Amino acid sequence: MYKSIAKPSFKQEAIQEMLELARIYNNSQGITGCLLYYEGIFIQYLEGNQIKVLKLFDKIKEDLRHTQVRLLSHSEVEQREFKEWDMAFENCDGENEHMSFLKLFANDYTEEESIFWGRTSKVTFWKEVSKLINKKSPLKSN
C-alpha cells in the first residue's frame, strides 16, 4: 500500500486512461486492489504475488505523473480484500453520498478492526483513507 501526490497536469481524463491500462495489466498479472483519489492524493492497496506486486510498485514509483510516492505498508495476507477487482477506483472529490458512505465505513472499520486485528495492511489502508478524507493528516504538508 502506498500514498502519492498527483502532479497538477494529471487530469481526470488521464486518470481514466491510466485506470483502463492498469486494469488490463493487473488482470494479466493476477493483481487486484483498490485506488482512491482525493484532492490530488492517491492511496492504493495492491494484492497478489509478492514479486509481481513489487515489480508493479517499482513501475509506479518511476511514473512521472505523481510525486512523493511513499510505501505505507507491506505484508502478506491470507485472503484478498479486493479479489473481484483488477483495480477498484473511487474518485472521492466533492461531497456526495459515496463520500459520506466512505467516511462512515472507513471510520467504523478502523475503530472496530484495529481492536481485534492490530496493525495489518488492511487496517492501515482504511486508517489512511480515513485520515485523508477527514483531513486529519494531509500528505501535502509532509
Protein backbone atom coordinates (compact mmCIF):
# COMPACT_ATOMS: atom_id res chain seq x y z
CA MET A 1 0.00 0.00 0.00
CA TYR A 2 1.28 3.44 -0.88
CA LYS A 3 0.31 7.10 -0.98
CA SER A 4 1.33 9.71 -3.56
CA ILE A 5 0.51 13.18 -4.87
CA ALA A 6 -0.75 13.62 -8.42
CA LYS A 7 1.02 16.30 -10.42
CA PRO A 8 -1.30 19.17 -11.35
CA SER A 9 -1.07 18.16 -15.01
CA PHE A 10 -2.50 14.70 -14.21
CA LYS A 11 -6.14 15.46 -15.04
CA GLN A 12 -9.26 13.28 -14.72
CA GLU A 13 -9.13 12.14 -18.36
CA ALA A 14 -5.55 10.92 -17.89
CA ILE A 15 -6.52 9.12 -14.68
CA GLN A 16 -9.27 7.27 -16.53
CA GLU A 17 -6.84 6.25 -19.29
CA MET A 18 -4.35 5.06 -16.67
CA LEU A 19 -7.07 3.00 -14.96
CA GLU A 20 -8.02 1.24 -18.18
CA LEU A 21 -4.40 0.23 -18.83
CA ALA A 22 -3.83 -0.69 -15.17
CA ARG A 23 -6.86 -2.97 -15.14
CA ILE A 24 -5.64 -4.82 -18.23
CA TYR A 25 -2.13 -5.18 -16.81
CA ASN A 26 -3.34 -6.20 -13.35
CA ASN A 27 -5.67 -8.80 -14.81
CA SER A 28 -2.82 -10.33 -16.81
CA GLN A 29 -0.62 -10.45 -13.69
CA GLY A 30 -3.23 -11.66 -11.20
CA ILE A 31 -3.02 -8.39 -9.25
CA THR A 32 -6.09 -6.92 -7.55
CA GLY A 33 -6.60 -3.86 -5.40
CA CYS A 34 -8.19 -0.51 -4.80
CA LEU A 35 -7.16 3.02 -5.78
CA LEU A 36 -8.66 6.07 -4.09
CA TYR A 37 -8.18 9.62 -5.32
CA TYR A 38 -8.99 12.62 -3.18
CA GLU A 39 -7.92 16.22 -3.71
CA GLY A 40 -4.86 15.27 -5.73
CA ILE A 41 -3.78 12.42 -3.46
CA PHE A 42 -3.75 8.73 -4.35
CA ILE A 43 -3.87 5.84 -1.89
CA GLN A 44 -3.52 2.43 -3.47
CA TYR A 45 -3.79 -1.06 -1.99
CA LEU A 46 -2.34 -3.83 -4.17
CA GLU A 47 -2.71 -7.61 -3.74
CA GLY A 48 -1.17 -10.56 -5.50
CA ASN A 49 2.04 -12.49 -5.96
CA GLN A 50 4.69 -10.64 -3.96
CA ILE A 51 7.24 -10.48 -6.80
CA LYS A 52 4.63 -9.23 -9.28
CA VAL A 53 3.27 -6.62 -6.85
CA LEU A 54 6.77 -5.36 -6.02
CA LYS A 55 7.62 -5.19 -9.73
CA LEU A 56 4.47 -3.12 -10.29
CA PHE A 57 5.32 -0.89 -7.34
CA ASP A 58 8.76 -0.23 -8.88
CA LYS A 59 6.98 0.91 -12.07
CA ILE A 60 4.60 3.08 -10.05
CA LYS A 61 7.50 4.78 -8.24
CA GLU A 62 9.01 5.75 -11.62
CA ASP A 63 5.73 7.15 -13.01
CA LEU A 64 6.23 10.89 -13.59
CA ARG A 65 2.51 11.68 -13.23
CA HIS A 66 2.82 11.75 -9.45
CA THR A 67 5.36 12.55 -6.75
CA GLN A 68 6.17 11.69 -3.14
CA VAL A 69 5.37 8.01 -3.58
CA ARG A 70 5.54 6.64 -0.06
CA LEU A 71 5.18 2.99 0.95
CA LEU A 72 2.76 2.77 3.87
CA SER A 73 2.51 -0.95 4.41
CA HIS A 74 3.78 -4.23 3.01
CA SER A 75 2.66 -7.57 4.37
CA GLU A 76 1.40 -10.99 3.47
CA VAL A 77 -2.32 -11.59 3.76
CA GLU A 78 -4.25 -14.82 3.96
CA GLN A 79 -7.03 -13.67 1.66
CA ARG A 80 -7.57 -10.78 -0.70
CA GLU A 81 -9.80 -7.86 0.19
CA PHE A 82 -10.44 -6.83 -3.41
CA LYS A 83 -10.32 -10.22 -5.13
CA GLU A 84 -13.06 -9.35 -7.62
CA TRP A 85 -11.47 -6.10 -8.83
CA ASP A 86 -8.50 -5.74 -11.15
CA MET A 87 -8.48 -2.19 -9.82
CA ALA A 88 -11.38 -0.73 -7.91
CA PHE A 89 -11.35 3.05 -8.18
CA GLU A 90 -13.14 5.81 -6.36
CA ASN A 91 -12.72 9.49 -7.12
CA CYS A 92 -13.65 10.98 -3.78
CA ASP A 93 -13.52 14.63 -4.79
CA GLY A 94 -16.60 16.53 -3.71
CA GLU A 95 -19.14 15.81 -1.01
CA ASN A 96 -21.74 13.26 -2.13
CA GLU A 97 -23.47 10.05 -1.00
CA HIS A 98 -20.46 7.91 -1.93
CA MET A 99 -18.12 10.16 0.03
CA SER A 100 -20.39 10.18 3.09
CA PHE A 101 -20.58 6.38 2.99
CA LEU A 102 -16.82 6.06 2.55
CA LYS A 103 -16.19 8.30 5.57
CA LEU A 104 -18.56 6.27 7.74
CA PHE A 105 -17.15 2.96 6.54
CA ALA A 106 -13.52 3.96 6.97
CA ASN A 107 -14.10 5.39 10.43
CA ASP A 108 -16.15 2.44 11.67
CA TYR A 109 -13.84 -0.13 10.10
CA THR A 110 -10.66 1.28 11.57
CA GLU A 111 -12.17 1.62 15.05
CA GLU A 112 -13.54 -1.93 15.13
CA GLU A 113 -10.83 -3.78 13.19
CA SER A 114 -7.84 -2.29 14.95
CA ILE A 115 -9.17 -3.53 18.28
CA PHE A 116 -9.24 -7.13 17.03
CA TRP A 117 -6.56 -7.36 14.36
CA GLY A 118 -3.79 -4.93 15.27
CA ARG A 119 -1.90 -3.16 12.52
CA THR A 120 -2.42 -5.12 9.31
CA SER A 121 -2.18 -3.73 5.77
CA LYS A 122 -5.97 -3.79 5.57
CA VAL A 123 -6.35 -1.72 8.74
CA THR A 124 -3.53 0.60 7.68
CA PHE A 125 -5.28 1.19 4.34
CA TRP A 126 -8.56 2.19 5.94
CA LYS A 127 -6.82 4.33 8.58
CA GLU A 128 -5.00 6.24 5.83
CA VAL A 129 -8.23 6.64 3.87
CA SER A 130 -9.97 7.91 6.99
CA LYS A 131 -7.19 10.42 7.74
CA LEU A 132 -7.18 11.65 4.15
CA ILE A 133 -10.91 12.13 3.67
CA ASN A 134 -11.37 13.59 7.14
CA LYS A 135 -8.43 15.98 6.64
CA LYS A 136 -6.60 14.78 9.76
CA SER A 137 -3.18 14.44 8.17
CA PRO A 138 -2.83 15.58 4.58
CA LEU A 139 0.19 14.27 2.70
CA LYS A 140 0.81 17.65 1.13
CA SER A 141 2.10 19.04 4.44
CA ASN A 142 4.78 16.33 4.80
